[in-house]
Amino acid sequence: KLTDIDVRVEAAIVAAGARRDLGQLDAALAVLQQEPLHNSSP
């Protein structure tokens, strides 16, 4: 349901944080890698 990019990215950041809380660093990185890290617009 998260079609707005700002909302989707914020949710991904929180999900990655939750994975870190559980000690799942590789899973946290994977969550963030699914988002547009290489976007060219600041």
PDB file of all heavy atoms in Angstrom:
ATOM      1  N   LYS A   1       0.816  -1.226   0.000  1.00  0.00           N
ATOM      2  CA  LYS A   1       0.000   0.000   0.000  1.00  0.00           C
ATOM      3  C   LYS A   1       0.848   1.275   0.000  1.00  0.00           C
ATOM      4  O   LYS A   1       0.318   2.365  -0.130  1.00  0.00           O
ATOM      5  CB  LYS A   1      -0.909   0.028   1.233  1.00  0.00           C
ATOM      6  CG  LYS A   1      -1.700  -1.239   1.467  1.00  0.00           C
ATOM      7  CD  LYS A   1      -2.812  -1.400   0.457  1.00  0.00           C
ATOM      8  CE  LYS A   1      -3.833  -2.447   0.877  1.00  0.00           C
ATOM      9  NZ  LYS A   1      -3.284  -3.734   1.294  1.00  0.00           N
ATOM     10  N   LEU A   2       2.153   1.127   0.164  1.00  0.00           N
ATOM     11  CA  LEU A   2       3.022   2.296   0.321  1.00  0.00           C
ATOM     12  C   LEU A   2       3.507   2.778  -1.044  1.00  0.00           C
ATOM     13  O   LEU A   2       4.581   2.412  -1.513  1.00  0.00           O
ATOM     14  CB  LEU A   2       4.209   1.955   1.231  1.00  0.00           C
ATOM     15  CG  LEU A   2       3.848   1.408   2.618  1.00  0.00           C
ATOM     16  CD1 LEU A   2       5.095   1.156   3.440  1.00  0.00           C
ATOM     17  CD2 LEU A   2       2.893   2.349   3.338  1.00  0.00           C
ATOM     18  N   THR A   3       2.708   3.606  -1.669  1.00  0.00           N
ATOM     19  CA  THR A   3       3.033   4.093  -3.010  1.00  0.00           C
ATOM     20  C   THR A   3       3.862   5.373  -2.974  1.00  0.00           C
ATOM     21  O   THR A   3       4.550   5.686  -3.937  1.00  0.00           O
ATOM     22  CB  THR A   3       1.751   4.355  -3.811  1.00  0.00           C
ATOM     23  OG1 THR A   3       0.913   5.255  -3.067  1.00  0.00           O
ATOM     24  CG2 THR A   3       0.984   3.050  -4.030  1.00  0.00           C
ATOM     25  N   ASP A   4       3.806   6.129  -1.886  1.00  0.00           N
ATOM     26  CA  ASP A   4       4.595   7.349  -1.763  1.00  0.00           C
ATOM     27  C   ASP A   4       6.028   6.987  -1.378  1.00  0.00           C
ATOM     28  O   ASP A   4       6.253   6.271  -0.394  1.00  0.00           O
ATOM     29  CB  ASP A   4       3.981   8.258  -0.702  1.00  0.00           C
ATOM     30  CG  ASP A   4       4.724   9.574  -0.579  1.00  0.00           C
ATOM     31  OD1 ASP A   4       5.733   9.622   0.159  1.00  0.00           O
ATOM     32  OD2 ASP A   4       4.312  10.555  -1.238  1.00  0.00           O
ATOM     33  N   ILE A   5       7.003   7.471  -2.127  1.00  0.00           N
ATOM     34  CA  ILE A   5       8.385   7.077  -1.927  1.00  0.00           C
ATOM     35  C   ILE A   5       8.900   7.466  -0.549  1.00  0.00           C
ATOM     36  O   ILE A   5       9.621   6.712   0.104  1.00  0.00           O
ATOM     37  CB  ILE A   5       9.309   7.651  -3.037  1.00  0.00           C
ATOM     38  CG1 ILE A   5      10.740   7.120  -2.885  1.00  0.00           C
ATOM     39  CG2 ILE A   5       9.279   9.158  -3.050  1.00  0.00           C
ATOM     40  CD1 ILE A   5      10.884   5.646  -3.077  1.00  0.00           C
ATOM     41  N   ASP A   6       8.544   8.652  -0.064  1.00  0.00           N
ATOM     42  CA  ASP A   6       8.987   9.073   1.268  1.00  0.00           C
ATOM     43  C   ASP A   6       8.488   8.115   2.343  1.00  0.00           C
ATOM     44  O   ASP A   6       9.250   7.718   3.235  1.00  0.00           O
ATOM     45  CB  ASP A   6       8.487  10.486   1.576  1.00  0.00           C
ATOM     46  CG  ASP A   6       9.060  11.530   0.652  1.00  0.00           C
ATOM     47  OD1 ASP A   6       8.536  11.690  -0.467  1.00  0.00           O
ATOM     48  OD2 ASP A   6      10.039  12.169   1.043  1.00  0.00           O
ATOM     49  N   VAL A   7       7.213   7.759   2.252  1.00  0.00           N
ATOM     50  CA  VAL A   7       6.616   6.869   3.245  1.00  0.00           C
ATOM     51  C   VAL A   7       7.247   5.487   3.160  1.00  0.00           C
ATOM     52  O   VAL A   7       7.571   4.866   4.182  1.00  0.00           O
ATOM     53  CB  VAL A   7       5.086   6.777   3.036  1.00  0.00           C
ATOM     54  CG1 VAL A   7       4.463   5.756   3.987  1.00  0.00           C
ATOM     55  CG2 VAL A   7       4.445   8.146   3.235  1.00  0.00           C
ATOM     56  N   ARG A   8       7.451   5.006   1.941  1.00  0.00           N
ATOM     57  CA  ARG A   8       8.027   3.669   1.757  1.00  0.00           C
ATOM     58  C   ARG A   8       9.453   3.591   2.295  1.00  0.00           C
ATOM     59  O   ARG A   8       9.830   2.625   2.969  1.00  0.00           O
ATOM     60  CB  ARG A   8       8.011   3.295   0.272  1.00  0.00           C
ATOM     61  CG  ARG A   8       8.253   1.804   0.033  1.00  0.00           C
ATOM     62  CD  ARG A   8       8.306   1.493  -1.440  1.00  0.00           C
ATOM     63  NE  ARG A   8       9.617   1.799  -2.001  1.00  0.00           N
ATOM     64  CZ  ARG A   8       9.843   2.150  -3.265  1.00  0.00           C
ATOM     65  NH1 ARG A   8       8.828   2.272  -4.093  1.00  0.00           N
ATOM     66  NH2 ARG A   8      11.052   2.380  -3.704  1.00  0.00           N
ATOM     67  N   VAL A   9      10.250   4.614   2.023  1.00  0.00           N
ATOM     68  CA  VAL A   9      11.630   4.615   2.499  1.00  0.00           C
ATOM     69  C   VAL A   9      11.680   4.695   4.017  1.00  0.00           C
ATOM     70  O   VAL A   9      12.461   3.976   4.659  1.00  0.00           O
ATOM     71  CB  VAL A   9      12.425   5.771   1.856  1.00  0.00           C
ATOM     72  CG1 VAL A   9      13.734   6.018   2.594  1.00  0.00           C
ATOM     73  CG2 VAL A   9      12.709   5.451   0.387  1.00  0.00           C
ATOM     74  N   GLU A  10      10.854   5.536   4.611  1.00  0.00           N
ATOM     75  CA  GLU A  10      10.840   5.634   6.072  1.00  0.00           C
ATOM     76  C   GLU A  10      10.461   4.292   6.689  1.00  0.00           C
ATOM     77  O   GLU A  10      11.035   3.875   7.703  1.00  0.00           O
ATOM     78  CB  GLU A  10       9.876   6.725   6.532  1.00  0.00           C
ATOM     79  CG  GLU A  10      10.385   8.134   6.307  1.00  0.00           C
ATOM     80  CD  GLU A  10      11.681   8.427   7.050  1.00  0.00           C
ATOM     81  OE1 GLU A  10      11.849   7.939   8.197  1.00  0.00           O
ATOM     82  OE2 GLU A  10      12.530   9.128   6.489  1.00  0.00           O
ATOM     83  N   ALA A  11       9.492   3.611   6.088  1.00  0.00           N
ATOM     84  CA  ALA A  11       9.084   2.304   6.594  1.00  0.00           C
ATOM     85  C   ALA A  11      10.217   1.295   6.463  1.00  0.00           C
ATOM     86  O   ALA A  11      10.443   0.474   7.367  1.00  0.00           O
ATOM     87  CB  ALA A  11       7.843   1.811   5.845  1.00  0.00           C
ATOM     88  N   ALA A  12      10.952   1.365   5.361  1.00  0.00           N
ATOM     89  CA  ALA A  12      12.087   0.458   5.163  1.00  0.00           C
ATOM     90  C   ALA A  12      13.184   0.717   6.195  1.00  0.00           C
ATOM     91  O   ALA A  12      13.804  -0.219   6.714  1.00  0.00           O
ATOM     92  CB  ALA A  12      12.645   0.617   3.751  1.00  0.00           C
ATOM     93  N   ILE A  13      13.430   1.984   6.491  1.00  0.00           N
ATOM     94  CA  ILE A  13      14.446   2.330   7.488  1.00  0.00           C
ATOM     95  C   ILE A  13      14.058   1.757   8.856  1.00  0.00           C
ATOM     96  O   ILE A  13      14.894   1.209   9.582  1.00  0.00           O
ATOM     97  CB  ILE A  13      14.633   3.855   7.561  1.00  0.00           C
ATOM     98  CG1 ILE A  13      15.311   4.360   6.277  1.00  0.00           C
ATOM     99  CG2 ILE A  13      15.460   4.250   8.778  1.00  0.00           C
ATOM    100  CD1 ILE A  13      15.342   5.872   6.146  1.00  0.00           C
ATOM    101  N   VAL A  14      12.783   1.857   9.199  1.00  0.00           N
ATOM    102  CA  VAL A  14      12.318   1.303  10.472  1.00  0.00           C
ATOM    103  C   VAL A  14      12.433  -0.220  10.465  1.00  0.00           C
ATOM    104  O   VAL A  14      12.873  -0.823  11.446  1.00  0.00           O
ATOM    105  CB  VAL A  14      10.865   1.730  10.760  1.00  0.00           C
ATOM    106  CG1 VAL A  14      10.336   1.011  12.005  1.00  0.00           C
ATOM    107  CG2 VAL A  14      10.786   3.234  10.965  1.00  0.00           C
ATOM    108  N   ALA A  15      12.052  -0.849   9.350  1.00  0.00           N
ATOM    109  CA  ALA A  15      12.154  -2.310   9.256  1.00  0.00           C
ATOM    110  C   ALA A  15      13.605  -2.758   9.395  1.00  0.00           C
ATOM    111  O   ALA A  15      13.898  -3.756  10.073  1.00  0.00           O
ATOM    112  CB  ALA A  15      11.570  -2.789   7.937  1.00  0.00           C
ATOM    113  N   ALA A  16      14.515  -2.035   8.765  1.00  0.00           N
ATOM    114  CA  ALA A  16      15.932  -2.361   8.892  1.00  0.00           C
ATOM    115  C   ALA A  16      16.378  -2.208  10.343  1.00  0.00           C
ATOM    116  O   ALA A  16      17.156  -3.030  10.867  1.00  0.00           O
ATOM    117  CB  ALA A  16      16.764  -1.462   7.979  1.00  0.00           C
ATOM    118  N   GLY A  17      15.880  -1.170  11.015  1.00  0.00           N
ATOM    119  CA  GLY A  17      16.211  -0.987  12.426  1.00  0.00           C
ATOM    120  C   GLY A  17      15.697  -2.136  13.280  1.00  0.00           C
ATOM    121  O   GLY A  17      16.380  -2.578  14.215  1.00  0.00           O
ATOM    122  N   ALA A  18      14.517  -2.625  12.948  1.00  0.00           N
ATOM    123  CA  ALA A  18      13.967  -3.764  13.682  1.00  0.00           C
ATOM    124  C   ALA A  18      14.825  -5.013  13.472  1.00  0.00           C
ATOM    125  O   ALA A  18      15.055  -5.789  14.408  1.00  0.00           O
ATOM    126  CB  ALA A  18      12.529  -4.023  13.245  1.00  0.00           C
ATOM    127  N   ARG A  19      15.297  -5.199  12.246  1.00  0.00           N
ATOM    128  CA  ARG A  19      16.213  -6.328  11.993  1.00  0.00           C
ATOM    129  C   ARG A  19      17.494  -6.175  12.810  1.00  0.00           C
ATOM    130  O   ARG A  19      18.025  -7.151  13.362  1.00  0.00           O
ATOM    131  CB  ARG A  19      16.552  -6.396  10.499  1.00  0.00           C
ATOM    132  CG  ARG A  19      15.402  -6.825   9.612  1.00  0.00           C
ATOM    133  CD  ARG A  19      15.009  -8.259   9.854  1.00  0.00           C
ATOM    134  NE  ARG A  19      13.930  -8.688   8.974  1.00  0.00           N
ATOM    135  CZ  ARG A  19      13.264  -9.832   9.132  1.00  0.00           C
ATOM    136  NH1 ARG A  19      13.564 -10.652  10.122  1.00  0.00           N
ATOM    137  NH2 ARG A  19      12.295 -10.153   8.295  1.00  0.00           N
ATOM    138  N   ARG A  20      17.996  -4.946  12.923  1.00  0.00           N
ATOM    139  CA  ARG A  20      19.185  -4.701  13.729  1.00  0.00           C
ATOM    140  C   ARG A  20      18.912  -4.984  15.206  1.00  0.00           C
ATOM    141  O   ARG A  20      19.756  -5.537  15.915  1.00  0.00           O
ATOM    142  CB  ARG A  20      19.668  -3.256  13.537  1.00  0.00           C
ATOM    143  CG  ARG A  20      20.257  -3.017  12.167  1.00  0.00           C
ATOM    144  CD  ARG A  20      20.537  -1.558  11.895  1.00  0.00           C
ATOM    145  NE  ARG A  20      21.576  -1.002  12.764  1.00  0.00           N
ATOM    146  CZ  ARG A  20      22.153   0.178  12.576  1.00  0.00           C
ATOM    147  NH1 ARG A  20      21.780   0.934  11.553  1.00  0.00           N
ATOM    148  NH2 ARG A  20      23.087   0.611  13.400  1.00  0.00           N
ATOM    149  N   ASP A  21      17.719  -4.622  15.671  1.00  0.00           N
ATOM    150  CA  ASP A  21      17.345  -4.929  17.054  1.00  0.00           C
ATOM    151  C   ASP A  21      17.440  -6.428  17.323  1.00  0.00           C
ATOM    152  O   ASP A  21      17.763  -6.855  18.445  1.00  0.00           O
ATOM    153  CB  ASP A  21      15.912  -4.478  17.338  1.00  0.00           C
ATOM    154  CG  ASP A  21      15.735  -2.963  17.284  1.00  0.00           C
ATOM    155  OD1 ASP A  21      16.749  -2.240  17.369  1.00  0.00           O
ATOM    156  OD2 ASP A  21      14.575  -2.518  17.145  1.00  0.00           O
ATOM    157  N   LEU A  22      17.112  -7.209  16.299  1.00  0.00           N
ATOM    158  CA  LEU A  22      17.133  -8.676  16.426  1.00  0.00           C
ATOM    159  C   LEU A  22      18.512  -9.270  16.136  1.00  0.00           C
ATOM    160  O   LEU A  22      18.669 -10.490  16.137  1.00  0.00           O
ATOM    161  CB  LEU A  22      16.098  -9.276  15.470  1.00  0.00           C
ATOM    162  CG  LEU A  22      14.631  -8.949  15.794  1.00  0.00           C
ATOM    163  CD1 LEU A  22      13.726  -9.288  14.616  1.00  0.00           C
ATOM    164  CD2 LEU A  22      14.183  -9.685  17.046  1.00  0.00           C
ATOM    165  N   GLY A  23      19.493  -8.405  15.861  1.00  0.00           N
ATOM    166  CA  GLY A  23      20.842  -8.871  15.564  1.00  0.00           C
ATOM    167  C   GLY A  23      21.012  -9.410  14.157  1.00  0.00           C
ATOM    168  O   GLY A  23      21.995 -10.089  13.863  1.00  0.00           O
ATOM    169  N   GLN A  24      20.072  -9.063  13.267  1.00  0.00           N
ATOM    170  CA  GLN A  24      20.085  -9.582  11.892  1.00  0.00           C
ATOM    171  C   GLN A  24      20.625  -8.513  10.931  1.00  0.00           C
ATOM    172  O   GLN A  24      19.883  -7.913  10.151  1.00  0.00           O
ATOM    173  CB  GLN A  24      18.670 -10.022  11.501  1.00  0.00           C
ATOM    174  CG  GLN A  24      18.090 -11.083  12.420  1.00  0.00           C
ATOM    175  CD  GLN A  24      16.609 -11.324  12.183  1.00  0.00           C
ATOM    176  OE1 GLN A  24      15.977 -10.680  11.353  1.00  0.00           O
ATOM    177  NE2 GLN A  24      16.038 -12.267  12.928  1.00  0.00           N
ATOM    178  N   LEU A  25      21.931  -8.287  10.989  1.00  0.00           N
ATOM    179  CA  LEU A  25      22.516  -7.193  10.212  1.00  0.00           C
ATOM    180  C   LEU A  25      22.433  -7.437   8.710  1.00  0.00           C
ATOM    181  O   LEU A  25      22.169  -6.511   7.938  1.00  0.00           O
ATOM    182  CB  LEU A  25      23.971  -6.968  10.633  1.00  0.00           C
ATOM    183  CG  LEU A  25      24.171  -6.443  12.066  1.00  0.00           C
ATOM    184  CD1 LEU A  25      25.652  -6.277  12.360  1.00  0.00           C
ATOM    185  CD2 LEU A  25      23.444  -5.127  12.263  1.00  0.00           C
ATOM    186  N   ASP A  26      22.675  -8.661   8.279  1.00  0.00           N
ATOM    187  CA  ASP A  26      22.584  -8.949   6.842  1.00  0.00           C
ATOM    188  C   ASP A  26      21.162  -8.722   6.337  1.00  0.00           C
ATOM    189  O   ASP A  26      20.955  -8.187   5.236  1.00  0.00           O
ATOM    190  CB  ASP A  26      23.012 -10.395   6.556  1.00  0.00           C
ATOM    191  CG  ASP A  26      24.521 -10.585   6.673  1.00  0.00           C
ATOM    192  OD1 ASP A  26      25.251  -9.567   6.669  1.00  0.00           O
ATOM    193  OD2 ASP A  26      24.961 -11.742   6.776  1.00  0.00           O
ATOM    194  N   ALA A  27      20.181  -9.107   7.137  1.00  0.00           N
ATOM    195  CA  ALA A  27      18.790  -8.892   6.748  1.00  0.00           C
ATOM    196  C   ALA A  27      18.455  -7.400   6.721  1.00  0.00           C
ATOM    197  O   ALA A  27      17.709  -6.930   5.852  1.00  0.00           O
ATOM    198  CB  ALA A  27      17.852  -9.617   7.715  1.00  0.00           C
ATOM    199  N   ALA A  28      19.028  -6.647   7.652  1.00  0.00           N
ATOM    200  CA  ALA A  28      18.812  -5.198   7.667  1.00  0.00           C
ATOM    201  C   ALA A  28      19.366  -4.559   6.401  1.00  0.00           C
ATOM    202  O   ALA A  28      18.715  -3.707   5.768  1.00  0.00           O
ATOM    203  CB  ALA A  28      19.474  -4.582   8.902  1.00  0.00           C
ATOM    204  N   LEU A  29      20.550  -4.960   6.007  1.00  0.00           N
ATOM    205  CA  LEU A  29      21.146  -4.437   4.772  1.00  0.00           C
ATOM    206  C   LEU A  29      20.295  -4.810   3.565  1.00  0.00           C
ATOM    207  O   LEU A  29      20.097  -3.997   2.649  1.00  0.00           O
ATOM    208  CB  LEU A  29      22.574  -4.974   4.610  1.00  0.00           C
ATOM    209  CG  LEU A  29      23.612  -4.424   5.593  1.00  0.00           C
ATOM    210  CD1 LEU A  29      24.908  -5.219   5.492  1.00  0.00           C
ATOM    211  CD2 LEU A  29      23.874  -2.941   5.339  1.00  0.00           C
ATOM    212  N   ALA A  30      19.780  -6.034   3.557  1.00  0.00           N
ATOM    213  CA  ALA A  30      18.959  -6.492   2.428  1.00  0.00           C
ATOM    214  C   ALA A  30      17.689  -5.651   2.303  1.00  0.00           C
ATOM    215  O   ALA A  30      17.256  -5.331   1.185  1.00  0.00           O
ATOM    216  CB  ALA A  30      18.609  -7.969   2.608  1.00  0.00           C
ATOM    217  N   VAL A  31      17.093  -5.291   3.432  1.00  0.00           N
ATOM    218  CA  VAL A  31      15.887  -4.449   3.409  1.00  0.00           C
ATOM    219  C   VAL A  31      16.197  -3.119   2.732  1.00  0.00           C
ATOM    220  O   VAL A  31      15.441  -2.644   1.871  1.00  0.00           O
ATOM    221  CB  VAL A  31      15.370  -4.205   4.841  1.00  0.00           C
ATOM    222  CG1 VAL A  31      14.314  -3.097   4.850  1.00  0.00           C
ATOM    223  CG2 VAL A  31      14.779  -5.482   5.428  1.00  0.00           C
ATOM    224  N   LEU A  32      17.304  -2.508   3.099  1.00  0.00           N
ATOM    225  CA  LEU A  32      17.663  -1.196   2.556  1.00  0.00           C
ATOM    226  C   LEU A  32      18.093  -1.284   1.096  1.00  0.00           C
ATOM    227  O   LEU A  32      17.877  -0.350   0.317  1.00  0.00           O
ATOM    228  CB  LEU A  32      18.770  -0.577   3.407  1.00  0.00           C
ATOM    229  CG  LEU A  32      18.371  -0.310   4.865  1.00  0.00           C
ATOM    230  CD1 LEU A  32      19.583   0.090   5.691  1.00  0.00           C
ATOM    231  CD2 LEU A  32      17.281   0.750   4.945  1.00  0.00           C
ATOM    232  N   GLN A  33      18.687  -2.416   0.720  1.00  0.00           N
ATOM    233  CA  GLN A  33      19.115  -2.595  -0.669  1.00  0.00           C
ATOM    234  C   GLN A  33      17.937  -2.707  -1.636  1.00  0.00           C
ATOM    235  O   GLN A  33      18.104  -2.521  -2.844  1.00  0.00           O
ATOM    236  CB  GLN A  33      20.003  -3.841  -0.774  1.00  0.00           C
ATOM    237  CG  GLN A  33      21.391  -3.643  -0.185  1.00  0.00           C
ATOM    238  CD  GLN A  33      22.116  -4.954   0.067  1.00  0.00           C
ATOM    239  OE1 GLN A  33      21.546  -6.044  -0.130  1.00  0.00           O
ATOM    240  NE2 GLN A  33      23.353  -4.879   0.504  1.00  0.00           N
ATOM    241  N   GLN A  34      16.759  -2.986  -1.109  1.00  0.00           N
ATOM    242  CA  GLN A  34      15.562  -3.063  -1.957  1.00  0.00           C
ATOM    243  C   GLN A  34      15.042  -1.680  -2.343  1.00  0.00           C
ATOM    244  O   GLN A  34      14.190  -1.557  -3.215  1.00  0.00           O
ATOM    245  CB  GLN A  34      14.456  -3.840  -1.227  1.00  0.00           C
ATOM    246  CG  GLN A  34      14.765  -5.309  -1.015  1.00  0.00           C
ATOM    247  CD  GLN A  34      13.698  -5.994  -0.174  1.00  0.00           C
ATOM    248  OE1 GLN A  34      12.541  -5.574  -0.161  1.00  0.00           O
ATOM    249  NE2 GLN A  34      14.077  -7.043   0.532  1.00  0.00           N
ATOM    250  N   GLU A  35      15.560  -0.640  -1.692  1.00  0.00           N
ATOM    251  CA  GLU A  35      15.121   0.726  -1.964  1.00  0.00           C
ATOM    252  C   GLU A  35      16.110   1.422  -2.910  1.00  0.00           C
ATOM    253  O   GLU A  35      17.231   0.953  -3.100  1.00  0.00           O
ATOM    254  CB  GLU A  35      14.988   1.501  -0.646  1.00  0.00           C
ATOM    255  CG  GLU A  35      14.053   0.843   0.359  1.00  0.00           C
ATOM    256  CD  GLU A  35      12.667   0.594  -0.211  1.00  0.00           C
ATOM    257  OE1 GLU A  35      12.182   1.400  -1.027  1.00  0.00           O
ATOM    258  OE2 GLU A  35      12.058  -0.435   0.166  1.00  0.00           O
ATOM    259  N   PRO A  36      15.724   2.560  -3.513  1.00  0.00           N
ATOM    260  CA  PRO A  36      16.548   3.215  -4.543  1.00  0.00           C
ATOM    261  C   PRO A  36      17.758   3.976  -3.988  1.00  0.00           C
ATOM    262  O   PRO A  36      17.829   5.206  -4.037  1.00  0.00           O
ATOM    263  CB  PRO A  36      15.558   4.154  -5.242  1.00  0.00           C
ATOM    264  CG  PRO A  36      14.525   4.450  -4.209  1.00  0.00           C
ATOM    265  CD  PRO A  36      14.387   3.195  -3.391  1.00  0.00           C
ATOM    266  N   LEU A  37      18.718   3.228  -3.478  1.00  0.00           N
ATOM    267  CA  LEU A  37      19.939   3.827  -2.935  1.00  0.00           C
ATOM    268  C   LEU A  37      20.719   4.614  -3.981  1.00  0.00           C
ATOM    269  O   LEU A  37      21.459   5.550  -3.655  1.00  0.00           O
ATOM    270  CB  LEU A  37      20.845   2.729  -2.358  1.00  0.00           C
ATOM    271  CG  LEU A  37      20.455   2.138  -0.997  1.00  0.00           C
ATOM    272  CD1 LEU A  37      21.126   0.793  -0.805  1.00  0.00           C
ATOM    273  CD2 LEU A  37      20.837   3.090   0.120  1.00  0.00           C
ATOM    274  N   HIS A  38      20.566   4.236  -5.245  1.00  0.00           N
ATOM    275  CA  HIS A  38      21.355   4.858  -6.320  1.00  0.00           C
ATOM    276  C   HIS A  38      20.585   5.965  -7.047  1.00  0.00           C
ATOM    277  O   HIS A  38      21.015   6.401  -8.121  1.00  0.00           O
ATOM    278  CB  HIS A  38      21.804   3.785  -7.307  1.00  0.00           C
ATOM    279  CG  HIS A  38      22.753   2.784  -6.697  1.00  0.00           C
ATOM    280  ND1 HIS A  38      24.102   3.023  -6.561  1.00  0.00           N
ATOM    281  CD2 HIS A  38      22.519   1.562  -6.169  1.00  0.00           C
ATOM    282  CE1 HIS A  38      24.675   1.979  -5.985  1.00  0.00           C
ATOM    283  NE2 HIS A  38      23.737   1.075  -5.740  1.00  0.00           N
ATOM    284  N   ASN A  39      19.483   6.398  -6.479  1.00  0.00           N
ATOM    285  CA  ASN A  39      18.759   7.530  -7.066  1.00  0.00           C
ATOM    286  C   ASN A  39      19.712   8.719  -7.230  1.00  0.00           C
ATOM    287  O   ASN A  39      20.592   8.939  -6.401  1.00  0.00           O
ATOM    288  CB  ASN A  39      17.588   7.901  -6.153  1.00  0.00           C
ATOM    289  CG  ASN A  39      16.659   8.910  -6.783  1.00  0.00           C
ATOM    290  OD1 ASN A  39      16.990  10.077  -6.912  1.00  0.00           O
ATOM    291  ND2 ASN A  39      15.482   8.467  -7.181  1.00  0.00           N
ATOM    292  N   SER A  40      19.521   9.486  -8.289  1.00  0.00           N
ATOM    293  CA  SER A  40      20.478  10.565  -8.593  1.00  0.00           C
ATOM    294  C   SER A  40      20.048  11.950  -8.113  1.00  0.00           C
ATOM    295  O   SER A  40      20.800  12.912  -8.260  1.00  0.00           O
ATOM    296  CB  SER A  40      20.735  10.623 -10.107  1.00  0.00           C
ATOM    297  OG  SER A  40      19.522  10.849 -10.802  1.00  0.00           O
ATOM    298  N   SER A  41      18.852  12.079  -7.560  1.00  0.00           N
ATOM    299  CA  SER A  41      18.366  13.396  -7.136  1.00  0.00           C
ATOM    300  C   SER A  41      18.509  13.572  -5.631  1.00  0.00           C
ATOM    301  O   SER A  41      17.943  12.790  -4.864  1.00  0.00           O
ATOM    302  CB  SER A  41      16.891  13.565  -7.521  1.00  0.00           C
ATOM    303  OG  SER A  41      16.728  13.441  -8.916  1.00  0.00           O
ATOM    304  N   PRO A  42      19.267  14.578  -5.192  1.00  0.00           N
ATOM    305  CA  PRO A  42      19.405  14.810  -3.748  1.00  0.00           C
ATOM    306  C   PRO A  42      18.049  15.123  -3.117  1.00  0.00           C
ATOM    307  O   PRO A  42      17.359  16.047  -3.532  1.00  0.00           O
ATOM    308  CB  PRO A  42      20.334  16.034  -3.669  1.00  0.00           C
ATOM    309  CG  PRO A  42      21.047  16.061  -4.978  1.00  0.00           C
ATOM    310  CD  PRO A  42      20.067  15.533  -5.982  1.00  0.00           C
TER     311      PRO A  42
END
